[in-house]
PDB file of N, CA and C in Angstrom:
ATOM      1  N   MET A   1       0.847  -1.171   0.000  1.00  0.00           N
ATOM      2  CA  MET A   1       0.000   0.000   0.000  1.00  0.00           C
ATOM      3  C   MET A   1       0.893   1.234   0.000  1.00  0.00           C
ATOM      4  N   THR A   2       0.538   2.224  -0.786  1.00  0.00           N
ATOM      5  CA  THR A   2       1.336   3.443  -0.862  1.00  0.00           C
ATOM      6  C   THR A   2       0.914   4.414   0.219  1.00  0.00           C
ATOM      7  N   GLU A   3       1.796   5.334   0.529  1.00  0.00           N
ATOM      8  CA  GLU A   3       1.509   6.346   1.546  1.00  0.00           C
ATOM      9  C   GLU A   3       0.318   7.208   1.143  1.00  0.00           C
ATOM     10  N   ALA A   4       0.172   7.500  -0.174  1.00  0.00           N
ATOM     11  CA  ALA A   4      -0.906   8.371  -0.640  1.00  0.00           C
ATOM     12  C   ALA A   4      -2.280   7.743  -0.407  1.00  0.00           C
ATOM     13  N   ALA A   5      -2.347   6.415  -0.395  1.00  0.00           N
ATOM     14  CA  ALA A   5      -3.636   5.750  -0.214  1.00  0.00           C
ATOM     15  C   ALA A   5      -4.160   5.915   1.204  1.00  0.00           C
ATOM     16  N   GLY A   6      -3.299   6.096   2.176  1.00  0.00           N
ATOM     17  CA  GLY A   6      -3.725   6.279   3.554  1.00  0.00           C
ATOM     18  C   GLY A   6      -4.056   4.959   4.226  1.00  0.00           C
ATOM     19  N   PRO A   7      -4.338   5.006   5.529  1.00  0.00           N
ATOM     20  CA  PRO A   7      -4.633   3.768   6.257  1.00  0.00           C
ATOM     21  C   PRO A   7      -6.016   3.223   5.888  1.00  0.00           C
ATOM     22  N   LYS A   8      -6.122   1.932   5.937  1.00  0.00           N
ATOM     23  CA  LYS A   8      -7.392   1.282   5.648  1.00  0.00           C
ATOM     24  C   LYS A   8      -8.373   1.540   6.789  1.00  0.00           C
ATOM     25  N   ARG A   9      -9.600   1.846   6.451  1.00  0.00           N
ATOM     26  CA  ARG A   9     -10.619   2.124   7.460  1.00  0.00           C
ATOM     27  C   ARG A   9     -11.152   0.815   8.024  1.00  0.00           C
ATOM     28  N   PRO A  10     -11.422   0.773   9.325  1.00  0.00           N
ATOM     29  CA  PRO A  10     -11.984  -0.457   9.901  1.00  0.00           C
ATOM     30  C   PRO A  10     -13.441  -0.635   9.464  1.00  0.00           C
ATOM     31  N   MET A  11     -13.897  -1.855   9.554  1.00  0.00           N
ATOM     32  CA  MET A  11     -15.290  -2.166   9.246  1.00  0.00           C
ATOM     33  C   MET A  11     -16.174  -1.565  10.344  1.00  0.00           C
ATOM     34  N   SER A  12     -17.352  -1.097   9.979  1.00  0.00           N
ATOM     35  CA  SER A  12     -18.266  -0.547  10.982  1.00  0.00           C
ATOM     36  C   SER A  12     -18.880  -1.691  11.791  1.00  0.00           C
ATOM     37  N   GLN A  13     -19.334  -1.389  12.986  1.00  0.00           N
ATOM     38  CA  GLN A  13     -19.992  -2.397  13.830  1.00  0.00           C
ATOM     39  C   GLN A  13     -21.197  -2.994  13.094  1.00  0.00           C
ATOM     40  N   LYS A  14     -21.970  -2.142  12.426  1.00  0.00           N
ATOM     41  CA  LYS A  14     -23.164  -2.611  11.710  1.00  0.00           C
ATOM     42  C   LYS A  14     -22.788  -3.597  10.611  1.00  0.00           C
ATOM     43  N   LYS A  15     -21.781  -3.253   9.787  1.00  0.00           N
ATOM     44  CA  LYS A  15     -21.343  -4.148   8.706  1.00  0.00           C
ATOM     45  C   LYS A  15     -20.787  -5.458   9.258  1.00  0.00           C
ATOM     46  N   ALA A  16     -20.016  -5.370  10.350  1.00  0.00           N
ATOM     47  CA  ALA A  16     -19.439  -6.573  10.947  1.00  0.00           C
ATOM     48  C   ALA A  16     -20.540  -7.503  11.459  1.00  0.00           C
ATOM     49  N   ARG A  17     -21.539  -6.938  12.119  1.00  0.00           N
ATOM     50  CA  ARG A  17     -22.642  -7.763  12.624  1.00  0.00           C
ATOM     51  C   ARG A  17     -23.456  -8.374  11.480  1.00  0.00           C
ATOM     52  N   GLU A  18     -23.642  -7.629  10.394  1.00  0.00           N
ATOM     53  CA  GLU A  18     -24.337  -8.175   9.228  1.00  0.00           C
ATOM     54  C   GLU A  18     -23.544  -9.324   8.615  1.00  0.00           C
ATOM     55  N   PHE A  19     -22.209  -9.189   8.592  1.00  0.00           N
ATOM     56  CA  PHE A  19     -21.351 -10.218   8.015  1.00  0.00           C
ATOM     57  C   PHE A  19     -21.448 -11.531   8.795  1.00  0.00           C
ATOM     58  N   VAL A  20     -21.527 -11.451  10.121  1.00  0.00           N
ATOM     59  CA  VAL A  20     -21.543 -12.672  10.945  1.00  0.00           C
ATOM     60  C   VAL A  20     -22.960 -13.137  11.272  1.00  0.00           C
ATOM     61  N   ASP A  21     -23.962 -12.444  10.752  1.00  0.00           N
ATOM     62  CA  ASP A  21     -25.356 -12.743  11.096  1.00  0.00           C
ATOM     63  C   ASP A  21     -25.751 -14.188  10.799  1.00  0.00           C
ATOM     64  N   ASP A  22     -25.251 -14.761   9.720  1.00  0.00           N
ATOM     65  CA  ASP A  22     -25.637 -16.126   9.345  1.00  0.00           C
ATOM     66  C   ASP A  22     -24.580 -17.171   9.725  1.00  0.00           C
ATOM     67  N   ALA A  23     -23.649 -16.805  10.596  1.00  0.00           N
ATOM     68  CA  ALA A  23     -22.579 -17.733  10.995  1.00  0.00           C
ATOM     69  C   ALA A  23     -23.145 -18.897  11.798  1.00  0.00           C
ATOM     70  N   ARG A  24     -22.481 -20.050  11.670  1.00  0.00           N
ATOM     71  CA  ARG A  24     -22.924 -21.251  12.386  1.00  0.00           C
ATOM     72  C   ARG A  24     -21.722 -22.123  12.722  1.00  0.00           C
ATOM     73  N   LEU A  25     -21.917 -23.015  13.681  1.00  0.00           N
ATOM     74  CA  LEU A  25     -20.878 -23.981  14.040  1.00  0.00           C
ATOM     75  C   LEU A  25     -20.952 -25.163  13.083  1.00  0.00           C
ATOM     76  N   VAL A  26     -19.800 -25.562  12.546  1.00  0.00           N
ATOM     77  CA  VAL A  26     -19.729 -26.699  11.643  1.00  0.00           C
ATOM     78  C   VAL A  26     -18.702 -27.675  12.199  1.00  0.00           C
ATOM     79  N   LEU A  27     -19.111 -28.925  12.379  1.00  0.00           N
ATOM     80  CA  LEU A  27     -18.203 -29.959  12.869  1.00  0.00           C
ATOM     81  C   LEU A  27     -17.186 -30.284  11.777  1.00  0.00           C
ATOM     82  N   ARG A  28     -15.895 -30.125  12.086  1.00  0.00           N
ATOM     83  CA  ARG A  28     -14.836 -30.409  11.111  1.00  0.00           C
ATOM     84  C   ARG A  28     -14.148 -31.739  11.374  1.00  0.00           C
ATOM     85  N   ASP A  29     -14.125 -32.197  12.617  1.00  0.00           N
ATOM     86  CA  ASP A  29     -13.463 -33.459  12.937  1.00  0.00           C
ATOM     87  C   ASP A  29     -14.217 -34.115  14.086  1.00  0.00           C
ATOM     88  N   ALA A  30     -14.986 -35.149  13.775  1.00  0.00           N
ATOM     89  CA  ALA A  30     -15.817 -35.814  14.782  1.00  0.00           C
ATOM     90  C   ALA A  30     -14.970 -36.497  15.858  1.00  0.00           C
ATOM     91  N   GLU A  31     -13.799 -36.999  15.479  1.00  0.00           N
ATOM     92  CA  GLU A  31     -12.955 -37.704  16.438  1.00  0.00           C
ATOM     93  C   GLU A  31     -12.418 -36.759  17.519  1.00  0.00           C
ATOM     94  N   THR A  32     -11.969 -35.576  17.101  1.00  0.00           N
ATOM     95  CA  THR A  32     -11.404 -34.625  18.062  1.00  0.00           C
ATOM     96  C   THR A  32     -12.431 -33.595  18.530  1.00  0.00           C
ATOM     97  N   ARG A  33     -13.604 -33.608  17.934  1.00  0.00           N
ATOM     98  CA  ARG A  33     -14.706 -32.680  18.251  1.00  0.00           C
ATOM     99  C   ARG A  33     -14.293 -31.227  18.011  1.00  0.00           C
ATOM    100  N   HIS A  34     -13.605 -30.972  16.927  1.00  0.00           N
ATOM    101  CA  HIS A  34     -13.225 -29.615  16.551  1.00  0.00           C
ATOM    102  C   HIS A  34     -14.289 -29.051  15.621  1.00  0.00           C
ATOM    103  N   TYR A  35     -14.707 -27.831  15.910  1.00  0.00           N
ATOM    104  CA  TYR A  35     -15.707 -27.128  15.121  1.00  0.00           C
ATOM    105  C   TYR A  35     -15.092 -25.870  14.539  1.00  0.00           C
ATOM    106  N   GLU A  36     -15.698 -25.369  13.476  1.00  0.00           N
ATOM    107  CA  GLU A  36     -15.344 -24.071  12.926  1.00  0.00           C
ATOM    108  C   GLU A  36     -16.593 -23.209  12.925  1.00  0.00           C
ATOM    109  N   VAL A  37     -16.413 -21.908  13.139  1.00  0.00           N
ATOM    110  CA  VAL A  37     -17.513 -20.955  13.005  1.00  0.00           C
ATOM    111  C   VAL A  37     -17.410 -20.427  11.584  1.00  0.00           C
ATOM    112  N   VAL A  38     -18.465 -20.693  10.776  1.00  0.00           N
ATOM    113  CA  VAL A  38     -18.438 -20.427   9.347  1.00  0.00           C
ATOM    114  C   VAL A  38     -19.631 -19.559   8.960  1.00  0.00           C
ATOM    115  N   THR A  39     -19.392 -18.576   8.068  1.00  0.00           N
ATOM    116  CA  THR A  39     -20.484 -17.750   7.558  1.00  0.00           C
ATOM    117  C   THR A  39     -21.171 -18.485   6.419  1.00  0.00           C
ATOM    118  N   GLY A  40     -22.269 -17.927   5.936  1.00  0.00           N
ATOM    119  CA  GLY A  40     -23.027 -18.538   4.849  1.00  0.00           C
ATOM    120  C   GLY A  40     -22.225 -18.701   3.564  1.00  0.00           C
ATOM    121  N   ASP A  41     -21.256 -17.809   3.308  1.00  0.00           N
ATOM    122  CA  ASP A  41     -20.447 -17.911   2.087  1.00  0.00           C
ATOM    123  C   ASP A  41     -19.217 -18.795   2.273  1.00  0.00           C
ATOM    124  N   GLY A  42     -19.077 -19.425   3.450  1.00  0.00           N
ATOM    125  CA  GLY A  42     -17.976 -20.356   3.688  1.00  0.00           C
ATOM    126  C   GLY A  42     -16.746 -19.756   4.346  1.00  0.00           C
ATOM    127  N   THR A  43     -16.797 -18.483   4.724  1.00  0.00           N
ATOM    128  CA  THR A  43     -15.659 -17.852   5.391  1.00  0.00           C
ATOM    129  C   THR A  43     -15.527 -18.392   6.812  1.00  0.00           C
ATOM    130  N   VAL A  44     -14.357 -18.912   7.156  1.00  0.00           N
ATOM    131  CA  VAL A  44     -14.105 -19.424   8.508  1.00  0.00           C
ATOM    132  C   VAL A  44     -13.687 -18.248   9.388  1.00  0.00           C
ATOM    133  N   LEU A  45     -14.461 -17.999  10.445  1.00  0.00           N
ATOM    134  CA  LEU A  45     -14.177 -16.892  11.353  1.00  0.00           C
ATOM    135  C   LEU A  45     -13.345 -17.313  12.549  1.00  0.00           C
ATOM    136  N   GLY A  46     -13.412 -18.587  12.921  1.00  0.00           N
ATOM    137  CA  GLY A  46     -12.661 -19.053  14.076  1.00  0.00           C
ATOM    138  C   GLY A  46     -12.929 -20.518  14.360  1.00  0.00           C
ATOM    139  N   HIS A  47     -12.367 -20.977  15.468  1.00  0.00           N
ATOM    140  CA  HIS A  47     -12.424 -22.392  15.831  1.00  0.00           C
ATOM    141  C   HIS A  47     -12.969 -22.564  17.239  1.00  0.00           C
ATOM    142  N   VAL A  48     -13.638 -23.700  17.448  1.00  0.00           N
ATOM    143  CA  VAL A  48     -14.123 -24.098  18.767  1.00  0.00           C
ATOM    144  C   VAL A  48     -13.681 -25.541  18.962  1.00  0.00           C
ATOM    145  N   GLU A  49     -13.037 -25.790  20.094  1.00  0.00           N
ATOM    146  CA  GLU A  49     -12.542 -27.138  20.366  1.00  0.00           C
ATOM    147  C   GLU A  49     -12.608 -27.424  21.861  1.00  0.00           C
ATOM    148  N   PRO A  50     -12.596 -28.699  22.226  1.00  0.00           N
ATOM    149  CA  PRO A  50     -12.604 -29.028  23.651  1.00  0.00           C
ATOM    150  C   PRO A  50     -11.380 -28.450  24.349  1.00  0.00           C
ATOM    151  N   ALA A  51     -11.587 -27.976  25.564  1.00  0.00           N
ATOM    152  CA  ALA A  51     -10.482 -27.454  26.377  1.00  0.00           C
ATOM    153  C   ALA A  51     -10.208 -28.454  27.488  1.00  0.00           C
ATOM    154  N   TYR A  52      -8.972 -28.752  27.690  1.00  0.00           N
ATOM    155  CA  TYR A  52      -8.583 -29.721  28.710  1.00  0.00           C
ATOM    156  C   TYR A  52      -7.751 -29.037  29.775  1.00  0.00           C
ATOM    157  N   LYS A  53      -7.877 -29.517  30.995  1.00  0.00           N
ATOM    158  CA  LYS A  53      -7.136 -28.943  32.110  1.00  0.00           C
ATOM    159  C   LYS A  53      -6.440 -30.073  32.861  1.00  0.00           C
ATOM    160  N   ALA A  54      -5.164 -29.920  33.044  1.00  0.00           N
ATOM    161  CA  ALA A  54      -4.393 -30.935  33.763  1.00  0.00           C
ATOM    162  C   ALA A  54      -4.873 -31.027  35.208  1.00  0.00           C
ATOM    163  N   GLY A  55      -4.831 -32.213  35.760  1.00  0.00           N
ATOM    164  CA  GLY A  55      -5.185 -32.403  37.161  1.00  0.00           C
ATOM    165  C   GLY A  55      -6.635 -32.806  37.374  1.00  0.00           C
ATOM    166  N   ARG A  56      -7.461 -32.682  36.360  1.00  0.00           N
ATOM    167  CA  ARG A  56      -8.848 -33.124  36.493  1.00  0.00           C
ATOM    168  C   ARG A  56      -8.943 -34.578  36.072  1.00  0.00           C
ATOM    169  N   ARG A  57      -9.785 -35.309  36.730  1.00  0.00           N
ATOM    170  CA  ARG A  57      -9.913 -36.731  36.432  1.00  0.00           C
ATOM    171  C   ARG A  57     -10.307 -36.948  34.972  1.00  0.00           C
ATOM    172  N   SER A  58     -11.281 -36.194  34.488  1.00  0.00           N
ATOM    173  CA  SER A  58     -11.705 -36.363  33.105  1.00  0.00           C
ATOM    174  C   SER A  58     -10.857 -35.540  32.151  1.00  0.00           C
ATOM    175  N   GLY A  59     -10.178 -34.505  32.667  1.00  0.00           N
ATOM    176  CA  GLY A  59      -9.390 -33.636  31.814  1.00  0.00           C
ATOM    177  C   GLY A  59     -10.230 -32.583  31.122  1.00  0.00           C
ATOM    178  N   TRP A  60     -11.531 -32.765  31.098  1.00  0.00           N
ATOM    179  CA  TRP A  60     -12.457 -31.892  30.384  1.00  0.00           C
ATOM    180  C   TRP A  60     -12.667 -30.592  31.151  1.00  0.00           C
ATOM    181  N   ASN A  61     -12.644 -29.458  30.432  1.00  0.00           N
ATOM    182  CA  ASN A  61     -12.773 -28.170  31.093  1.00  0.00           C
ATOM    183  C   ASN A  61     -13.641 -27.200  30.295  1.00  0.00           C
ATOM    184  N   GLY A  62     -14.476 -27.665  29.400  1.00  0.00           N
ATOM    185  CA  GLY A  62     -15.330 -26.774  28.616  1.00  0.00           C
ATOM    186  C   GLY A  62     -14.862 -26.672  27.178  1.00  0.00           C
ATOM    187  N   TRP A  63     -15.071 -25.497  26.572  1.00  0.00           N
ATOM    188  CA  TRP A  63     -14.775 -25.284  25.164  1.00  0.00           C
ATOM    189  C   TRP A  63     -13.880 -24.058  24.986  1.00  0.00           C
ATOM    190  N   ALA A  64     -12.815 -24.210  24.211  1.00  0.00           N
ATOM    191  CA  ALA A  64     -11.921 -23.096  23.890  1.00  0.00           C
ATOM    192  C   ALA A  64     -12.359 -22.509  22.558  1.00  0.00           C
ATOM    193  N   ALA A  65     -12.259 -21.188  22.426  1.00  0.00           N
ATOM    194  CA  ALA A  65     -12.696 -20.513  21.208  1.00  0.00           C
ATOM    195  C   ALA A  65     -11.706 -19.453  20.811  1.00  0.00           C
ATOM    196  N   GLY A  66     -11.559 -19.265  19.506  1.00  0.00           N
ATOM    197  CA  GLY A  66     -10.692 -18.203  19.029  1.00  0.00           C
ATOM    198  C   GLY A  66     -10.485 -18.245  17.537  1.00  0.00           C
ATOM    199  N   SER A  67      -9.681 -17.326  17.049  1.00  0.00           N
ATOM    200  CA  SER A  67      -9.437 -17.253  15.620  1.00  0.00           C
ATOM    201  C   SER A  67      -8.392 -18.267  15.160  1.00  0.00           C
ATOM    202  N   THR A  68      -7.659 -18.858  16.094  1.00  0.00           N
ATOM    203  CA  THR A  68      -6.711 -19.919  15.766  1.00  0.00           C
ATOM    204  C   THR A  68      -6.958 -21.101  16.698  1.00  0.00           C
ATOM    205  N   PRO A  69      -6.726 -22.330  16.248  1.00  0.00           N
ATOM    206  CA  PRO A  69      -6.936 -23.475  17.122  1.00  0.00           C
ATOM    207  C   PRO A  69      -5.920 -23.505  18.267  1.00  0.00           C
ATOM    208  N   SER A  70      -6.408 -23.546  19.495  1.00  0.00           N
ATOM    209  CA  SER A  70      -5.531 -23.669  20.658  1.00  0.00           C
ATOM    210  C   SER A  70      -6.374 -23.848  21.907  1.00  0.00           C
ATOM    211  N   SER A  71      -6.024 -24.809  22.728  1.00  0.00           N
ATOM    212  CA  SER A  71      -6.732 -25.012  23.987  1.00  0.00           C
ATOM    213  C   SER A  71      -6.186 -24.142  25.107  1.00  0.00           C
ATOM    214  N   ALA A  72      -5.268 -23.238  24.783  1.00  0.00           N
ATOM    215  CA  ALA A  72      -4.660 -22.385  25.802  1.00  0.00           C
ATOM    216  C   ALA A  72      -5.573 -21.227  26.209  1.00  0.00           C
ATOM    217  N   ARG A  73      -6.622 -20.988  25.468  1.00  0.00           N
ATOM    218  CA  ARG A  73      -7.529 -19.883  25.778  1.00  0.00           C
ATOM    219  C   ARG A  73      -8.453 -20.248  26.935  1.00  0.00           C
ATOM    220  N   PRO A  74      -9.034 -19.230  27.583  1.00  0.00           N
ATOM    221  CA  PRO A  74     -10.002 -19.521  28.648  1.00  0.00           C
ATOM    222  C   PRO A  74     -11.181 -20.324  28.094  1.00  0.00           C
ATOM    223  N   ALA A  75     -11.643 -21.276  28.865  1.00  0.00           N
ATOM    224  CA  ALA A  75     -12.718 -22.156  28.415  1.00  0.00           C
ATOM    225  C   ALA A  75     -14.084 -21.531  28.657  1.00  0.00           C
ATOM    226  N   GLN A  76     -15.005 -21.802  27.724  1.00  0.00           N
ATOM    227  CA  GLN A  76     -16.410 -21.412  27.852  1.00  0.00           C
ATOM    228  C   GLN A  76     -17.178 -22.661  28.293  1.00  0.00           C
ATOM    229  N   PRO A  77     -18.263 -22.489  29.052  1.00  0.00           N
ATOM    230  CA  PRO A  77     -18.975 -23.660  29.553  1.00  0.00           C
ATOM    231  C   PRO A  77     -19.678 -24.485  28.470  1.00  0.00           C
ATOM    232  N   THR A  78     -20.142 -23.856  27.402  1.00  0.00           N
ATOM    233  CA  THR A  78     -20.840 -24.609  26.352  1.00  0.00           C
ATOM    234  C   THR A  78     -20.205 -24.323  24.997  1.00  0.00           C
ATOM    235  N   ARG A  79     -20.464 -25.220  24.062  1.00  0.00           N
ATOM    236  CA  ARG A  79     -19.960 -25.059  22.698  1.00  0.00           C
ATOM    237  C   ARG A  79     -20.565 -23.812  22.052  1.00  0.00           C
ATOM    238  N   ASP A  80     -21.853 -23.562  22.278  1.00  0.00           N
ATOM    239  CA  ASP A  80     -22.502 -22.381  21.710  1.00  0.00           C
ATOM    240  C   ASP A  80     -21.918 -21.083  22.259  1.00  0.00           C
ATOM    241  N   GLN A  81     -21.633 -21.049  23.551  1.00  0.00           N
ATOM    242  CA  GLN A  81     -21.018 -19.852  24.139  1.00  0.00           C
ATOM    243  C   GLN A  81     -19.625 -19.631  23.559  1.00  0.00           C
ATOM    244  N   ALA A  82     -18.909 -20.703  23.298  1.00  0.00           N
ATOM    245  CA  ALA A  82     -17.595 -20.580  22.672  1.00  0.00           C
ATOM    246  C   ALA A  82     -17.741 -20.027  21.254  1.00  0.00           C
ATOM    247  N   GLY A  83     -18.774 -20.446  20.538  1.00  0.00           N
ATOM    248  CA  GLY A  83     -19.036 -19.917  19.204  1.00  0.00           C
ATOM    249  C   GLY A  83     -19.327 -18.431  19.243  1.00  0.00           C
ATOM    250  N   VAL A  84     -20.089 -17.987  20.230  1.00  0.00           N
ATOM    251  CA  VAL A  84     -20.379 -16.562  20.394  1.00  0.00           C
ATOM    252  C   VAL A  84     -19.092 -15.798  20.712  1.00  0.00           C
ATOM    253  N   GLU A  85     -18.208 -16.394  21.486  1.00  0.00           N
ATOM    254  CA  GLU A  85     -16.923 -15.755  21.802  1.00  0.00           C
ATOM    255  C   GLU A  85     -16.088 -15.579  20.538  1.00  0.00           C
ATOM    256  N   VAL A  86     -16.128 -16.548  19.636  1.00  0.00           N
ATOM    257  CA  VAL A  86     -15.426 -16.419  18.357  1.00  0.00           C
ATOM    258  C   VAL A  86     -15.963 -15.204  17.600  1.00  0.00           C
ATOM    259  N   LEU A  87     -17.283 -15.064  17.554  1.00  0.00           N
ATOM    260  CA  LEU A  87     -17.889 -13.930  16.848  1.00  0.00           C
ATOM    261  C   LEU A  87     -17.504 -12.612  17.501  1.00  0.00           C
ATOM    262  N   ARG A  88     -17.485 -12.573  18.826  1.00  0.00           N
ATOM    263  CA  ARG A  88     -17.100 -11.346  19.535  1.00  0.00           C
ATOM    264  C   ARG A  88     -15.666 -10.969  19.190  1.00  0.00           C
ATOM    265  N   GLN A  89     -14.766 -11.951  19.200  1.00  0.00           N
ATOM    266  CA  GLN A  89     -13.365 -11.691  18.871  1.00  0.00           C
ATOM    267  C   GLN A  89     -13.212 -11.214  17.431  1.00  0.00           C
ATOM    268  N   TRP A  90     -13.941 -11.844  16.512  1.00  0.00           N
ATOM    269  CA  TRP A  90     -13.843 -11.471  15.105  1.00  0.00           C
ATOM    270  C   TRP A  90     -14.341 -10.040  14.889  1.00  0.00           C
ATOM    271  N   ILE A  91     -15.470  -9.692  15.492  1.00  0.00           N
ATOM    272  CA  ILE A  91     -16.011  -8.336  15.355  1.00  0.00           C
ATOM    273  C   ILE A  91     -15.030  -7.325  15.935  1.00  0.00           C
ATOM    274  N   ALA A  92     -14.432  -7.645  17.068  1.00  0.00           N
ATOM    275  CA  ALA A  92     -13.448  -6.734  17.678  1.00  0.00           C
ATOM    276  C   ALA A  92     -12.259  -6.509  16.748  1.00  0.00           C
ATOM    277  N   MET A  93     -11.771  -7.564  16.090  1.00  0.00           N
ATOM    278  CA  MET A  93     -10.651  -7.414  15.155  1.00  0.00           C
ATOM    279  C   MET A  93     -11.057  -6.644  13.915  1.00  0.00           C
ATOM    280  N   ALA A  94     -12.233  -6.941  13.366  1.00  0.00           N
ATOM    281  CA  ALA A  94     -12.670  -6.325  12.112  1.00  0.00           C
ATOM    282  C   ALA A  94     -12.970  -4.834  12.290  1.00  0.00           C
ATOM    283  N   THR A  95     -13.365  -4.432  13.494  1.00  0.00           N
ATOM    284  CA  THR A  95     -13.741  -3.034  13.720  1.00  0.00           C
ATOM    285  C   THR A  95     -12.640  -2.224  14.404  1.00  0.00           C
ATOM    286  N   ALA A  96     -11.511  -2.844  14.692  1.00  0.00           N
ATOM    287  CA  ALA A  96     -10.410  -2.144  15.372  1.00  0.00           C
ATOM    288  C   ALA A  96      -9.748  -1.150  14.430  1.00  0.00           C
ATOM    289  N   LYS A  97      -9.308  -0.046  14.989  1.00  0.00           N
ATOM    290  CA  LYS A  97      -8.578   0.945  14.195  1.00  0.00           C
ATOM    291  C   LYS A  97      -7.211   0.373  13.857  1.00  0.00           C
ATOM    292  N   PRO A  98      -6.739   0.611  12.634  1.00  0.00           N
ATOM    293  CA  PRO A  98      -5.429   0.090  12.257  1.00  0.00           C
ATOM    294  C   PRO A  98      -4.311   0.701  13.100  1.00  0.00           C
ATOM    295  N   ARG A  99      -3.334  -0.113  13.420  1.00  0.00           N
ATOM    296  CA  ARG A  99      -2.173   0.367  14.168  1.00  0.00           C
ATOM    297  C   ARG A  99      -1.110   0.821  13.188  1.00  0.00           C
ATOM    298  N   SER A 100      -0.384   1.844  13.559  1.00  0.00           N
ATOM    299  CA  SER A 100       0.741   2.249  12.721  1.00  0.00           C
ATOM    300  C   SER A 100       1.982   1.497  13.176  1.00  0.00           C
ATOM    301  N   LEU A 101       2.851   1.201  12.238  1.00  0.00           N
ATOM    302  CA  LEU A 101       4.050   0.428  12.541  1.00  0.00           C
ATOM    303  C   LEU A 101       5.152   1.282  13.043  1.00  0.00           C
TER     304      LEU A 101
END
């Protein structure tokens, strides 16, 4: 991008919410129970996967959510709540003001 073009404007809250309005959880791997949050046009917004915690008998600790697969994030109690967290994170990124380097 050239200096004359200026910084890219962030997406408005309204546009971001319209973009994610038809998003849904899609099971990508039944064995590992990994899901993706996908829009109607197939855009992957983030991932939802089981979260495990050491020291628990079952190891199970809820659902991790984010734009990249990782169980290191704080766990949500339900898969649907984790999906909503993915949408919240995506909207926050899409509407953030660009940082200068």
